[in-house]
Amino acid sequence: MTTSSHSLVSSTDVNGTNVYGSDGTNIGTIDHLMIDKQSGKVAYAVMGFGGFLGLGEEHHPVPWGKLKYDPAKDGFVADLTEFEVKGAPDRHDTWYADRDWERRTHDHYGVPTYWF
């Protein structure tokens, strides 16, 4: 992601941005964002974890409120662990349309829901 002095960023610049754990290690990248159609708020960053050159990579939606942008790293920082991500509620094909799944996921990550 390109460092700049303004607060807005294009979603195309967010895709592929590194995400670091609180200890500074690279834990994954942002594959794409999920945006609430009614409010316009970013709800989730679907992150790619593991794999090599895109092979074997797992994608997991992480609530946007879990990530904080760090200009010094030109990436996001999250206090996530692999155990926490893999222990998140199982997702099904229509996870993005299941409010119960969303509540359980936000509870799991300890962040407020985006729809309030």
C-alpha atoms as a PDB file:
ATOM      1  CA  MET A   1       0.000   0.000   0.000  1.00  0.00           C
ATOM      2  CA  THR A   2       1.344   3.409  -0.838  1.00  0.00           C
ATOM      3  CA  THR A   3       2.023   5.799   2.028  1.00  0.00           C
ATOM      4  CA  SER A   4       0.217   9.099   1.646  1.00  0.00           C
ATOM      5  CA  SER A   5      -0.824  12.079   3.740  1.00  0.00           C
ATOM      6  CA  HIS A   6      -4.578  11.650   3.257  1.00  0.00           C
ATOM      7  CA  SER A   7      -6.904   9.183   4.963  1.00  0.00           C
ATOM      8  CA  LEU A   8      -8.680   7.681   1.942  1.00  0.00           C
ATOM      9  CA  VAL A   9      -7.310   4.716   0.032  1.00  0.00           C
ATOM     10  CA  SER A  10      -8.544   2.802  -2.996  1.00  0.00           C
ATOM     11  CA  SER A  11      -9.616  -0.784  -2.361  1.00  0.00           C
ATOM     12  CA  THR A  12      -7.254  -1.853  -5.144  1.00  0.00           C
ATOM     13  CA  ASP A  13      -4.383  -0.543  -3.026  1.00  0.00           C
ATOM     14  CA  VAL A  14      -5.542  -2.523   0.013  1.00  0.00           C
ATOM     15  CA  ASN A  15      -5.655  -5.872  -1.792  1.00  0.00           C
ATOM     16  CA  GLY A  16      -2.304  -7.573  -1.361  1.00  0.00           C
ATOM     17  CA  THR A  17      -1.292  -5.437   1.623  1.00  0.00           C
ATOM     18  CA  ASN A  18       0.678  -7.299   4.279  1.00  0.00           C
ATOM     19  CA  VAL A  19      -0.754  -7.922   7.723  1.00  0.00           C
ATOM     20  CA  TYR A  20       1.605  -8.242  10.672  1.00  0.00           C
ATOM     21  CA  GLY A  21       1.088  -9.770  14.077  1.00  0.00           C
ATOM     22  CA  SER A  22       1.655  -7.643  17.163  1.00  0.00           C
ATOM     23  CA  ASP A  23       5.152  -9.175  17.361  1.00  0.00           C
ATOM     24  CA  GLY A  24       5.987  -7.770  13.895  1.00  0.00           C
ATOM     25  CA  THR A  25       5.929 -11.032  11.946  1.00  0.00           C
ATOM     26  CA  ASN A  26       4.089 -11.155   8.633  1.00  0.00           C
ATOM     27  CA  ILE A  27       0.981 -13.291   9.161  1.00  0.00           C
ATOM     28  CA  GLY A  28      -0.747 -12.894   5.798  1.00  0.00           C
ATOM     29  CA  THR A  29      -2.076 -10.535   3.166  1.00  0.00           C
ATOM     30  CA  ILE A  30      -5.419  -8.977   2.403  1.00  0.00           C
ATOM     31  CA  ASP A  31      -7.021 -10.748  -0.531  1.00  0.00           C
ATOM     32  CA  HIS A  32     -10.144  -8.579  -0.735  1.00  0.00           C
ATOM     33  CA  LEU A  33     -12.598  -6.553   1.324  1.00  0.00           C
ATOM     34  CA  MET A  34     -16.264  -7.167   2.094  1.00  0.00           C
ATOM     35  CA  ILE A  35     -18.256  -3.919   2.266  1.00  0.00           C
ATOM     36  CA  ASP A  36     -21.710  -3.487   3.806  1.00  0.00           C
ATOM     37  CA  LYS A  37     -23.965  -2.282   0.968  1.00  0.00           C
ATOM     38  CA  GLN A  38     -26.255  -0.188   3.162  1.00  0.00           C
ATOM     39  CA  SER A  39     -23.761   1.610   5.395  1.00  0.00           C
ATOM     40  CA  GLY A  40     -20.759   1.575   3.071  1.00  0.00           C
ATOM     41  CA  LYS A  41     -18.568   0.390   5.967  1.00  0.00           C
ATOM     42  CA  VAL A  42     -15.848  -2.173   5.430  1.00  0.00           C
ATOM     43  CA  ALA A  43     -17.026  -5.253   7.313  1.00  0.00           C
ATOM     44  CA  TYR A  44     -14.259  -7.805   6.700  1.00  0.00           C
ATOM     45  CA  ALA A  45     -10.812  -8.184   5.265  1.00  0.00           C
ATOM     46  CA  VAL A  46     -10.636 -11.614   3.684  1.00  0.00           C
ATOM     47  CA  MET A  47      -7.052 -12.558   4.378  1.00  0.00           C
ATOM     48  CA  GLY A  48      -4.792 -15.115   2.773  1.00  0.00           C
ATOM     49  CA  PHE A  49      -2.760 -17.186   5.226  1.00  0.00           C
ATOM     50  CA  GLY A  50      -0.032 -19.708   4.502  1.00  0.00           C
ATOM     51  CA  GLY A  51       0.705 -21.274   1.172  1.00  0.00           C
ATOM     52  CA  PHE A  52       3.453 -20.505  -1.289  1.00  0.00           C
ATOM     53  CA  LEU A  53       2.980 -18.412  -4.427  1.00  0.00           C
ATOM     54  CA  GLY A  54      -0.778 -18.657  -3.963  1.00  0.00           C
ATOM     55  CA  LEU A  55      -0.807 -22.461  -3.696  1.00  0.00           C
ATOM     56  CA  GLY A  56      -2.289 -23.909  -0.534  1.00  0.00           C
ATOM     57  CA  GLU A  57      -3.262 -20.472   0.758  1.00  0.00           C
ATOM     58  CA  GLU A  58      -6.288 -20.415   3.066  1.00  0.00           C
ATOM     59  CA  HIS A  59      -8.685 -17.462   3.047  1.00  0.00           C
ATOM     60  CA  HIS A  60     -10.400 -16.321   6.223  1.00  0.00           C
ATOM     61  CA  PRO A  61     -12.624 -13.291   6.806  1.00  0.00           C
ATOM     62  CA  VAL A  62     -11.373 -11.173   9.699  1.00  0.00           C
ATOM     63  CA  PRO A  63     -13.498  -8.316  11.061  1.00  0.00           C
ATOM     64  CA  TRP A  64     -12.140  -5.003   9.772  1.00  0.00           C
ATOM     65  CA  GLY A  65     -12.138  -3.640  13.335  1.00  0.00           C
ATOM     66  CA  LYS A  66      -9.385  -6.129  14.213  1.00  0.00           C
ATOM     67  CA  LEU A  67      -6.899  -4.421  11.849  1.00  0.00           C
ATOM     68  CA  LYS A  68      -5.056  -1.145  12.404  1.00  0.00           C
ATOM     69  CA  TYR A  69      -3.017   0.553   9.697  1.00  0.00           C
ATOM     70  CA  ASP A  70       0.640   1.186  10.594  1.00  0.00           C
ATOM     71  CA  PRO A  71       2.308   3.697   8.223  1.00  0.00           C
ATOM     72  CA  ALA A  72       5.766   2.644   9.418  1.00  0.00           C
ATOM     73  CA  LYS A  73       5.100  -0.887   8.152  1.00  0.00           C
ATOM     74  CA  ASP A  74       3.051   0.263   5.138  1.00  0.00           C
ATOM     75  CA  GLY A  75       0.669  -2.490   6.214  1.00  0.00           C
ATOM     76  CA  PHE A  76      -1.850  -3.509   8.821  1.00  0.00           C
ATOM     77  CA  VAL A  77      -1.186  -4.821  12.315  1.00  0.00           C
ATOM     78  CA  ALA A  78      -3.495  -7.206  14.143  1.00  0.00           C
ATOM     79  CA  ASP A  79      -3.122  -9.062  17.395  1.00  0.00           C
ATOM     80  CA  LEU A  80      -3.971 -12.334  15.659  1.00  0.00           C
ATOM     81  CA  THR A  81      -2.517 -15.786  15.976  1.00  0.00           C
ATOM     82  CA  GLU A  82      -2.858 -18.722  13.616  1.00  0.00           C
ATOM     83  CA  PHE A  83      -4.709 -20.540  16.423  1.00  0.00           C
ATOM     84  CA  GLU A  84      -7.208 -17.683  16.747  1.00  0.00           C
ATOM     85  CA  VAL A  85      -7.867 -17.562  12.991  1.00  0.00           C
ATOM     86  CA  LYS A  86      -8.232 -21.340  12.645  1.00  0.00           C
ATOM     87  CA  GLY A  87     -10.479 -21.389  15.742  1.00  0.00           C
ATOM     88  CA  ALA A  88     -12.914 -18.847  14.287  1.00  0.00           C
ATOM     89  CA  PRO A  89     -16.460 -20.039  13.560  1.00  0.00           C
ATOM     90  CA  ASP A  90     -16.604 -22.325  10.539  1.00  0.00           C
ATOM     91  CA  ARG A  91     -17.849 -20.574   7.464  1.00  0.00           C
ATOM     92  CA  HIS A  92     -20.207 -21.932   4.892  1.00  0.00           C
ATOM     93  CA  ASP A  93     -20.779 -20.813   1.305  1.00  0.00           C
ATOM     94  CA  THR A  94     -23.098 -17.953   2.313  1.00  0.00           C
ATOM     95  CA  TRP A  95     -21.318 -16.830   5.505  1.00  0.00           C
ATOM     96  CA  TYR A  96     -21.607 -13.205   4.383  1.00  0.00           C
ATOM     97  CA  ALA A  97     -25.418 -13.409   4.545  1.00  0.00           C
ATOM     98  CA  ASP A  98     -25.629 -15.115   7.966  1.00  0.00           C
ATOM     99  CA  ARG A  99     -25.994 -12.570  10.793  1.00  0.00           C
ATOM    100  CA  ASP A 100     -25.638 -15.310  13.445  1.00  0.00           C
ATOM    101  CA  TRP A 101     -22.273 -16.345  11.947  1.00  0.00           C
ATOM    102  CA  GLU A 102     -21.223 -12.687  11.921  1.00  0.00           C
ATOM    103  CA  ARG A 103     -22.132 -12.222  15.615  1.00  0.00           C
ATOM    104  CA  ARG A 104     -20.218 -15.338  16.618  1.00  0.00           C
ATOM    105  CA  THR A 105     -17.222 -14.240  14.542  1.00  0.00           C
ATOM    106  CA  HIS A 106     -17.115 -10.740  16.049  1.00  0.00           C
ATOM    107  CA  ASP A 107     -17.461 -12.261  19.535  1.00  0.00           C
ATOM    108  CA  HIS A 108     -14.628 -14.677  18.735  1.00  0.00           C
ATOM    109  CA  TYR A 109     -12.308 -11.847  17.704  1.00  0.00           C
ATOM    110  CA  GLY A 110     -13.482  -9.539  20.504  1.00  0.00           C
ATOM    111  CA  VAL A 111     -14.410  -6.602  18.281  1.00  0.00           C
ATOM    112  CA  PRO A 112     -17.693  -4.690  17.987  1.00  0.00           C
ATOM    113  CA  THR A 113     -20.000  -5.505  15.107  1.00  0.00           C
ATOM    114  CA  TYR A 114     -19.953  -3.126  12.150  1.00  0.00           C
ATOM    115  CA  TRP A 115     -23.730  -2.810  11.865  1.00  0.00           C
ATOM    116  CA  PHE A 116     -24.305  -0.879  15.098  1.00  0.00           C
END
